Amino acid sequence: MNRIRSVFTWLWGIGFIVLMFPVTCLIWFAAYPFDNNRILVHRFLRFQGWFLTHTIPLWSFKIEGREKVRRNQAYVIISNHQSILDIILLDNIRGDFRWISKAENFRVPILGLSMRMAGYISIERGSKESAVKMFEEAARSLEKNISIMIFPEGTRSKTNRLLPFKTGAFQLALRADKPILPVVVDGTGTVLPKHGYTFNSGNKLRVRIMDPVFPGEFGTGDAEELANNFRKMISEELDRMKSEK
């Protein structure tokens, strides 16, 4: 039964994205002369994530703490990463942001072009040149008051336990003098684990937005120490969320 439900879920999700692609192109084309930051395309992609989150019947979904996201404030947004489902769940966060995503995703038909039209930022794994370019593009986005969304683990966890955090997001926050907004996702790794194609139903998916931490509260200027501190913070909050079930 799970396999049958999974087939229909994949067909619905992919079909919806394909159907929305001409609209994405139309918005990009119409907004091109005046929307240099590609905000309108991003908002439409965010709507698609919100719509898919709330129309797939295999799970219930709850988001907490959206009121903590201030308008007109750019953040370096970090989140744990359990599943590809995290992406559509995190689209439920308010505000304008740009994803930092591995270059392979930009090569996926339709999806990759949509991401480019929204001004999302790619990074080629293992390439120092790509990392420097990504860092510069992300810093420019923050200067324009557009937040950055990044998974500091760098990849999905196979066990739902946090992987070590890379320092890039924290170097960026220190350089740009912007607050870090920690977000915790729970349940997606059970519904659709890494390298899995079959959806497990009956699970509750949750996103919890924690209090933003402003540069004056960092307590350190060392990116590695920041990475460890925020990893501990998110790990403890994830444990609390699991205990609340």
C-alpha atoms as a PDB file:
ATOM      1  CA  MET A   1       0.000   0.000   0.000  1.00  0.00           C
ATOM      2  CA  ASN A   2       2.853   2.386   0.817  1.00  0.00           C
ATOM      3  CA  ARG A   3       4.298   1.845  -2.637  1.00  0.00           C
ATOM      4  CA  ILE A   4       0.998   2.684  -4.314  1.00  0.00           C
ATOM      5  CA  ARG A   5       0.607   5.815  -2.191  1.00  0.00           C
ATOM      6  CA  SER A   6       4.205   6.734  -2.957  1.00  0.00           C
ATOM      7  CA  VAL A   7       3.670   6.493  -6.722  1.00  0.00           C
ATOM      8  CA  PHE A   8       0.682   8.825  -6.547  1.00  0.00           C
ATOM      9  CA  THR A   9       2.564  11.195  -4.242  1.00  0.00           C
ATOM     10  CA  TRP A  10       5.519  11.425  -6.623  1.00  0.00           C
ATOM     11  CA  LEU A  11       3.187  11.911  -9.590  1.00  0.00           C
ATOM     12  CA  TRP A  12       1.287  14.651  -7.775  1.00  0.00           C
ATOM     13  CA  GLY A  13       4.410  16.470  -6.585  1.00  0.00           C
ATOM     14  CA  ILE A  14       6.329  16.307  -9.865  1.00  0.00           C
ATOM     15  CA  GLY A  15       3.191  16.959 -11.910  1.00  0.00           C
ATOM     16  CA  PHE A  16       2.362  20.066  -9.897  1.00  0.00           C
ATOM     17  CA  ILE A  17       5.873  21.480 -10.339  1.00  0.00           C
ATOM     18  CA  VAL A  18       5.740  20.815 -14.090  1.00  0.00           C
ATOM     19  CA  LEU A  19       2.325  22.452 -14.370  1.00  0.00           C
ATOM     20  CA  MET A  20       3.532  25.509 -12.452  1.00  0.00           C
ATOM     21  CA  PHE A  21       6.704  25.905 -14.508  1.00  0.00           C
ATOM     22  CA  PRO A  22       5.094  27.977 -17.319  1.00  0.00           C
ATOM     23  CA  VAL A  23       3.682  30.293 -14.645  1.00  0.00           C
ATOM     24  CA  THR A  24       7.142  30.588 -13.089  1.00  0.00           C
ATOM     25  CA  CYS A  25       8.554  31.549 -16.493  1.00  0.00           C
ATOM     26  CA  LEU A  26       5.788  34.083 -17.043  1.00  0.00           C
ATOM     27  CA  ILE A  27       6.425  35.716 -13.654  1.00  0.00           C
ATOM     28  CA  TRP A  28      10.166  35.829 -14.321  1.00  0.00           C
ATOM     29  CA  PHE A  29       9.651  37.391 -17.752  1.00  0.00           C
ATOM     30  CA  ALA A  30       7.053  39.939 -16.578  1.00  0.00           C
ATOM     31  CA  ALA A  31       9.087  40.952 -13.517  1.00  0.00           C
ATOM     32  CA  TYR A  32      12.505  40.993 -15.210  1.00  0.00           C
ATOM     33  CA  PRO A  33      12.615  44.752 -15.969  1.00  0.00           C
ATOM     34  CA  PHE A  34      11.985  45.846 -12.376  1.00  0.00           C
ATOM     35  CA  ASP A  35      12.634  42.864 -10.059  1.00  0.00           C
ATOM     36  CA  ASN A  36      16.413  42.690 -10.126  1.00  0.00           C
ATOM     37  CA  ASN A  37      16.523  40.553  -6.996  1.00  0.00           C
ATOM     38  CA  ARG A  38      14.084  37.939  -8.391  1.00  0.00           C
ATOM     39  CA  ILE A  39      11.907  38.220  -5.312  1.00  0.00           C
ATOM     40  CA  LEU A  40       8.632  37.514  -7.109  1.00  0.00           C
ATOM     41  CA  VAL A  41       9.879  34.228  -8.567  1.00  0.00           C
ATOM     42  CA  HIS A  42      11.143  33.185  -5.131  1.00  0.00           C
ATOM     43  CA  ARG A  43       7.761  33.953  -3.583  1.00  0.00           C
ATOM     44  CA  PHE A  44       6.016  31.864  -6.208  1.00  0.00           C
ATOM     45  CA  LEU A  45       8.390  28.938  -5.596  1.00  0.00           C
ATOM     46  CA  ARG A  46       7.793  29.366  -1.877  1.00  0.00           C
ATOM     47  CA  PHE A  47       4.047  29.212  -2.552  1.00  0.00           C
ATOM     48  CA  GLN A  48       4.554  25.939  -4.414  1.00  0.00           C
ATOM     49  CA  GLY A  49       6.376  24.456  -1.426  1.00  0.00           C
ATOM     50  CA  TRP A  50       3.624  25.668   0.912  1.00  0.00           C
ATOM     51  CA  PHE A  51       0.940  24.195  -1.358  1.00  0.00           C
ATOM     52  CA  LEU A  52       2.599  20.789  -1.615  1.00  0.00           C
ATOM     53  CA  THR A  53       3.176  20.693   2.150  1.00  0.00           C
ATOM     54  CA  HIS A  54      -0.543  21.161   2.790  1.00  0.00           C
ATOM     55  CA  THR A  55      -2.015  19.030  -0.012  1.00  0.00           C
ATOM     56  CA  ILE A  56      -0.153  15.732   0.374  1.00  0.00           C
ATOM     57  CA  PRO A  57      -2.289  13.613   2.744  1.00  0.00           C
ATOM     58  CA  LEU A  58       0.479  11.328   4.027  1.00  0.00           C
ATOM     59  CA  TRP A  59       1.344  13.575   6.945  1.00  0.00           C
ATOM     60  CA  SER A  60       0.179  16.357   9.213  1.00  0.00           C
ATOM     61  CA  PHE A  61       2.282  19.487   9.426  1.00  0.00           C
ATOM     62  CA  LYS A  62       2.907  22.119  12.073  1.00  0.00           C
ATOM     63  CA  ILE A  63       5.179  25.149  12.021  1.00  0.00           C
ATOM     64  CA  GLU A  64       6.035  27.076  15.167  1.00  0.00           C
ATOM     65  CA  GLY A  65       7.725  30.424  15.685  1.00  0.00           C
ATOM     66  CA  ARG A  66       7.058  32.221  12.409  1.00  0.00           C
ATOM     67  CA  GLU A  67       6.393  35.394  14.392  1.00  0.00           C
ATOM     68  CA  LYS A  68      10.104  35.434  15.297  1.00  0.00           C
ATOM     69  CA  VAL A  69      11.050  36.266  11.710  1.00  0.00           C
ATOM     70  CA  ARG A  70      11.232  40.054  11.469  1.00  0.00           C
ATOM     71  CA  ARG A  71      10.341  41.812   8.264  1.00  0.00           C
ATOM     72  CA  ASN A  72      13.116  43.896   6.734  1.00  0.00           C
ATOM     73  CA  GLN A  73      15.745  41.858   8.562  1.00  0.00           C
ATOM     74  CA  ALA A  74      18.140  39.597   6.688  1.00  0.00           C
ATOM     75  CA  TYR A  75      19.260  36.378   8.369  1.00  0.00           C
ATOM     76  CA  VAL A  76      21.625  33.520   7.779  1.00  0.00           C
ATOM     77  CA  ILE A  77      19.027  30.773   8.193  1.00  0.00           C
ATOM     78  CA  ILE A  78      20.354  27.361   9.187  1.00  0.00           C
ATOM     79  CA  SER A  79      18.492  24.082   9.577  1.00  0.00           C
ATOM     80  CA  ASN A  80      19.157  20.417  10.178  1.00  0.00           C
ATOM     81  CA  HIS A  81      18.654  18.212   7.117  1.00  0.00           C
ATOM     82  CA  GLN A  82      16.869  14.848   7.263  1.00  0.00           C
ATOM     83  CA  SER A  83      15.183  14.521   3.857  1.00  0.00           C
ATOM     84  CA  ILE A  84      14.516  16.259   0.556  1.00  0.00           C
ATOM     85  CA  LEU A  85      11.105  17.026   2.063  1.00  0.00           C
ATOM     86  CA  ASP A  86      12.837  19.587   4.283  1.00  0.00           C
ATOM     87  CA  ILE A  87      12.926  21.946   1.313  1.00  0.00           C
ATOM     88  CA  ILE A  88       9.172  22.223   0.828  1.00  0.00           C
ATOM     89  CA  LEU A  89       8.639  22.440   4.591  1.00  0.00           C
ATOM     90  CA  LEU A  90      11.124  25.284   4.951  1.00  0.00           C
ATOM     91  CA  ASP A  91       9.315  27.160   2.192  1.00  0.00           C
ATOM     92  CA  ASN A  92       6.661  27.772   4.862  1.00  0.00           C
ATOM     93  CA  ILE A  93       8.985  30.229   6.624  1.00  0.00           C
ATOM     94  CA  ARG A  94       8.046  33.841   6.067  1.00  0.00           C
ATOM     95  CA  GLY A  95      10.392  36.255   4.386  1.00  0.00           C
ATOM     96  CA  ASP A  96      12.519  36.468   1.288  1.00  0.00           C
ATOM     97  CA  PHE A  97      15.570  34.254   1.103  1.00  0.00           C
ATOM     98  CA  ARG A  98      17.865  32.528  -1.314  1.00  0.00           C
ATOM     99  CA  TRP A  99      18.746  28.887  -1.067  1.00  0.00           C
ATOM    100  CA  ILE A 100      22.347  27.768  -1.246  1.00  0.00           C
ATOM    101  CA  SER A 101      22.206  24.400  -2.974  1.00  0.00           C
ATOM    102  CA  LYS A 102      24.592  21.890  -4.484  1.00  0.00           C
ATOM    103  CA  ALA A 103      25.272  22.405  -8.195  1.00  0.00           C
ATOM    104  CA  GLU A 104      23.689  19.043  -9.110  1.00  0.00           C
ATOM    105  CA  ASN A 105      20.250  20.402  -8.223  1.00  0.00           C
ATOM    106  CA  PHE A 106      20.653  23.187 -10.785  1.00  0.00           C
ATOM    107  CA  ARG A 107      21.112  20.540 -13.480  1.00  0.00           C
ATOM    108  CA  VAL A 108      17.728  18.916 -12.813  1.00  0.00           C
ATOM    109  CA  PRO A 109      15.307  19.795 -15.648  1.00  0.00           C
ATOM    110  CA  ILE A 110      12.688  22.412 -14.731  1.00  0.00           C
ATOM    111  CA  LEU A 111      13.743  22.484 -11.072  1.00  0.00           C
ATOM    112  CA  GLY A 112      17.211  23.806 -11.854  1.00  0.00           C
ATOM    113  CA  LEU A 113      15.955  26.484 -14.221  1.00  0.00           C
ATOM    114  CA  SER A 114      13.347  27.592 -11.685  1.00  0.00           C
ATOM    115  CA  MET A 115      16.080  27.914  -9.059  1.00  0.00           C
ATOM    116  CA  ARG A 116      18.198  30.007 -11.412  1.00  0.00           C
ATOM    117  CA  MET A 117      15.259  32.277 -12.202  1.00  0.00           C
ATOM    118  CA  ALA A 118      14.809  32.829  -8.454  1.00  0.00           C
ATOM    119  CA  GLY A 119      18.459  33.805  -8.049  1.00  0.00           C
ATOM    120  CA  TYR A 120      19.358  30.849  -5.823  1.00  0.00           C
ATOM    121  CA  ILE A 121      23.056  30.205  -5.305  1.00  0.00           C
ATOM    122  CA  SER A 122      24.890  27.052  -6.345  1.00  0.00           C
ATOM    123  CA  ILE A 123      28.023  25.472  -4.941  1.00  0.00           C
ATOM    124  CA  GLU A 124      30.129  22.735  -6.508  1.00  0.00           C
ATOM    125  CA  ARG A 125      31.278  20.293  -3.869  1.00  0.00           C
ATOM    126  CA  GLY A 126      35.036  20.097  -3.505  1.00  0.00           C
ATOM    127  CA  SER A 127      35.665  23.247  -5.565  1.00  0.00           C
ATOM    128  CA  LYS A 128      37.366  26.099  -3.693  1.00  0.00           C
ATOM    129  CA  GLU A 129      36.646  28.462  -6.580  1.00  0.00           C
ATOM    130  CA  SER A 130      32.933  27.632  -6.414  1.00  0.00           C
ATOM    131  CA  ALA A 131      32.936  28.083  -2.631  1.00  0.00           C
ATOM    132  CA  VAL A 132      34.491  31.554  -2.947  1.00  0.00           C
ATOM    133  CA  LYS A 133      31.948  32.549  -5.608  1.00  0.00           C
ATOM    134  CA  MET A 134      29.088  31.226  -3.476  1.00  0.00           C
ATOM    135  CA  PHE A 135      30.362  33.149  -0.471  1.00  0.00           C
ATOM    136  CA  GLU A 136      30.545  36.405  -2.447  1.00  0.00           C
ATOM    137  CA  GLU A 137      27.055  35.979  -3.936  1.00  0.00           C
ATOM    138  CA  ALA A 138      25.587  35.170  -0.523  1.00  0.00           C
ATOM    139  CA  ALA A 139      27.266  38.219   1.031  1.00  0.00           C
ATOM    140  CA  ARG A 140      25.809  40.451  -1.707  1.00  0.00           C
ATOM    141  CA  SER A 141      22.347  39.025  -1.047  1.00  0.00           C
ATOM    142  CA  LEU A 142      22.624  39.811   2.656  1.00  0.00           C
ATOM    143  CA  GLU A 143      23.754  43.358   1.814  1.00  0.00           C
ATOM    144  CA  LYS A 144      20.520  43.712  -0.187  1.00  0.00           C
ATOM    145  CA  ASN A 145      18.587  42.545   2.890  1.00  0.00           C
ATOM    146  CA  ILE A 146      17.785  39.131   1.391  1.00  0.00           C
ATOM    147  CA  SER A 147      18.285  36.212   3.766  1.00  0.00           C
ATOM    148  CA  ILE A 148      20.317  33.113   2.973  1.00  0.00           C
ATOM    149  CA  MET A 149      19.054  29.577   3.647  1.00  0.00           C
ATOM    150  CA  ILE A 150      21.665  26.866   4.137  1.00  0.00           C
ATOM    151  CA  PHE A 151      22.013  23.360   5.562  1.00  0.00           C
ATOM    152  CA  PRO A 152      25.261  23.495   7.579  1.00  0.00           C
ATOM    153  CA  GLU A 153      25.492  19.685   7.613  1.00  0.00           C
ATOM    154  CA  GLY A 154      26.035  19.897   3.861  1.00  0.00           C
ATOM    155  CA  THR A 155      24.000  16.770   3.135  1.00  0.00           C
ATOM    156  CA  ARG A 156      21.112  14.728   4.521  1.00  0.00           C
ATOM    157  CA  SER A 157      21.661  12.609   7.594  1.00  0.00           C
ATOM    158  CA  LYS A 158      20.998   8.886   7.148  1.00  0.00           C
ATOM    159  CA  THR A 159      20.161   8.375  10.823  1.00  0.00           C
ATOM    160  CA  ASN A 160      18.285  11.632  11.615  1.00  0.00           C
ATOM    161  CA  ARG A 161      21.107  12.463  14.018  1.00  0.00           C
ATOM    162  CA  LEU A 162      22.995  15.637  13.294  1.00  0.00           C
ATOM    163  CA  LEU A 163      26.157  15.478  11.214  1.00  0.00           C
ATOM    164  CA  PRO A 164      29.027  17.866  11.989  1.00  0.00           C
ATOM    165  CA  PHE A 165      28.308  21.450  10.938  1.00  0.00           C
ATOM    166  CA  LYS A 166      30.493  23.037   8.270  1.00  0.00           C
ATOM    167  CA  THR A 167      31.693  26.560   9.017  1.00  0.00           C
ATOM    168  CA  GLY A 168      30.567  28.374   5.836  1.00  0.00           C
ATOM    169  CA  ALA A 169      27.246  29.696   7.178  1.00  0.00           C
ATOM    170  CA  PHE A 170      28.942  31.021  10.298  1.00  0.00           C
ATOM    171  CA  GLN A 171      31.797  32.652   8.408  1.00  0.00           C
ATOM    172  CA  LEU A 172      29.138  34.352   6.322  1.00  0.00           C
ATOM    173  CA  ALA A 173      27.237  35.633   9.373  1.00  0.00           C
ATOM    174  CA  LEU A 174      30.454  36.977  10.901  1.00  0.00           C
ATOM    175  CA  ARG A 175      31.537  38.707   7.714  1.00  0.00           C
ATOM    176  CA  ALA A 176      28.129  40.193   6.925  1.00  0.00           C
ATOM    177  CA  ASP A 177      27.390  41.037  10.579  1.00  0.00           C
ATOM    178  CA  LYS A 178      23.951  39.423  10.286  1.00  0.00           C
ATOM    179  CA  PRO A 179      21.956  37.358  12.798  1.00  0.00           C
ATOM    180  CA  ILE A 180      21.705  33.587  12.566  1.00  0.00           C
ATOM    181  CA  LEU A 181      18.202  32.118  12.571  1.00  0.00           C
ATOM    182  CA  PRO A 182      18.221  28.446  13.693  1.00  0.00           C
ATOM    183  CA  VAL A 183      15.388  26.239  12.440  1.00  0.00           C
ATOM    184  CA  VAL A 184      14.689  22.650  13.489  1.00  0.00           C
ATOM    185  CA  VAL A 185      12.918  20.120  11.247  1.00  0.00           C
ATOM    186  CA  ASP A 186      11.595  16.840  12.620  1.00  0.00           C
ATOM    187  CA  GLY A 187       9.847  13.845  11.074  1.00  0.00           C
ATOM    188  CA  THR A 188      10.893  14.114   7.440  1.00  0.00           C
ATOM    189  CA  GLY A 189      13.626  11.499   7.750  1.00  0.00           C
ATOM    190  CA  THR A 190      11.030   8.964   8.846  1.00  0.00           C
ATOM    191  CA  VAL A 191       8.606   9.828   6.041  1.00  0.00           C
ATOM    192  CA  LEU A 192      11.229   9.815   3.280  1.00  0.00           C
ATOM    193  CA  PRO A 193      14.760   8.850   4.384  1.00  0.00           C
ATOM    194  CA  LYS A 194      17.915   9.586   2.418  1.00  0.00           C
ATOM    195  CA  HIS A 195      18.081   7.567  -0.831  1.00  0.00           C
ATOM    196  CA  GLY A 196      14.516   6.394  -0.184  1.00  0.00           C
ATOM    197  CA  TYR A 197      11.668   6.518  -2.715  1.00  0.00           C
ATOM    198  CA  THR A 198       8.823   5.083  -0.661  1.00  0.00           C
ATOM    199  CA  PHE A 199       6.851   7.457   1.533  1.00  0.00           C
ATOM    200  CA  ASN A 200       5.829   6.289   4.992  1.00  0.00           C
ATOM    201  CA  SER A 201       2.474   7.687   6.051  1.00  0.00           C
ATOM    202  CA  GLY A 202       0.915   8.695   9.348  1.00  0.00           C
ATOM    203  CA  ASN A 203       3.752  10.876  10.565  1.00  0.00           C
ATOM    204  CA  LYS A 204       3.707  14.387  11.971  1.00  0.00           C
ATOM    205  CA  LEU A 205       6.127  16.803  10.364  1.00  0.00           C
ATOM    206  CA  ARG A 206       7.231  19.810  12.381  1.00  0.00           C
ATOM    207  CA  VAL A 207       9.268  22.926  11.806  1.00  0.00           C
ATOM    208  CA  ARG A 208      10.287  25.004  14.826  1.00  0.00           C
ATOM    209  CA  ILE A 209      11.856  28.427  14.332  1.00  0.00           C
ATOM    210  CA  MET A 210      14.114  29.284  17.257  1.00  0.00           C
ATOM    211  CA  ASP A 211      15.024  32.746  18.483  1.00  0.00           C
ATOM    212  CA  PRO A 212      17.435  34.548  16.158  1.00  0.00           C
ATOM    213  CA  VAL A 213      20.903  35.136  17.551  1.00  0.00           C
ATOM    214  CA  PHE A 214      22.330  38.544  16.700  1.00  0.00           C
ATOM    215  CA  PRO A 215      26.060  39.145  16.201  1.00  0.00           C
ATOM    216  CA  GLY A 216      26.431  40.848  19.596  1.00  0.00           C
ATOM    217  CA  GLU A 217      25.206  37.632  21.214  1.00  0.00           C
ATOM    218  CA  PHE A 218      27.550  35.254  19.374  1.00  0.00           C
ATOM    219  CA  GLY A 219      30.099  35.308  22.176  1.00  0.00           C
ATOM    220  CA  THR A 220      32.882  34.418  19.753  1.00  0.00           C
ATOM    221  CA  GLY A 221      34.341  35.462  16.440  1.00  0.00           C
ATOM    222  CA  ASP A 222      35.513  31.942  15.626  1.00  0.00           C
ATOM    223  CA  ALA A 223      33.387  30.263  12.938  1.00  0.00           C
ATOM    224  CA  GLU A 224      34.240  26.742  14.080  1.00  0.00           C
ATOM    225  CA  GLU A 225      33.219  27.502  17.651  1.00  0.00           C
ATOM    226  CA  LEU A 226      29.994  29.065  16.377  1.00  0.00           C
ATOM    227  CA  ALA A 227      29.289  25.962  14.291  1.00  0.00           C
ATOM    228  CA  ASN A 228      29.712  23.727  17.334  1.00  0.00           C
ATOM    229  CA  ASN A 229      27.561  25.986  19.521  1.00  0.00           C
ATOM    230  CA  PHE A 230      24.685  26.097  17.043  1.00  0.00           C
ATOM    231  CA  ARG A 231      24.915  22.379  16.369  1.00  0.00           C
ATOM    232  CA  LYS A 232      24.503  21.751  20.086  1.00  0.00           C
ATOM    233  CA  MET A 233      21.594  24.208  20.233  1.00  0.00           C
ATOM    234  CA  ILE A 234      19.734  22.552  17.350  1.00  0.00           C
ATOM    235  CA  SER A 235      20.497  19.045  18.643  1.00  0.00           C
ATOM    236  CA  GLU A 236      19.037  19.844  22.060  1.00  0.00           C
ATOM    237  CA  GLU A 237      15.930  21.404  20.522  1.00  0.00           C
ATOM    238  CA  LEU A 238      15.476  18.386  18.245  1.00  0.00           C
ATOM    239  CA  ASP A 239      15.615  16.092  21.284  1.00  0.00           C
ATOM    240  CA  ARG A 240      12.975  18.247  23.002  1.00  0.00           C
ATOM    241  CA  MET A 241      10.707  18.049  19.974  1.00  0.00           C
ATOM    242  CA  LYS A 242      11.006  14.272  19.891  1.00  0.00           C
ATOM    243  CA  SER A 243      10.201  14.020  23.593  1.00  0.00           C
ATOM    244  CA  GLU A 244       7.049  16.091  23.104  1.00  0.00           C
ATOM    245  CA  LYS A 245       5.469  13.539  20.772  1.00  0.00           C
END
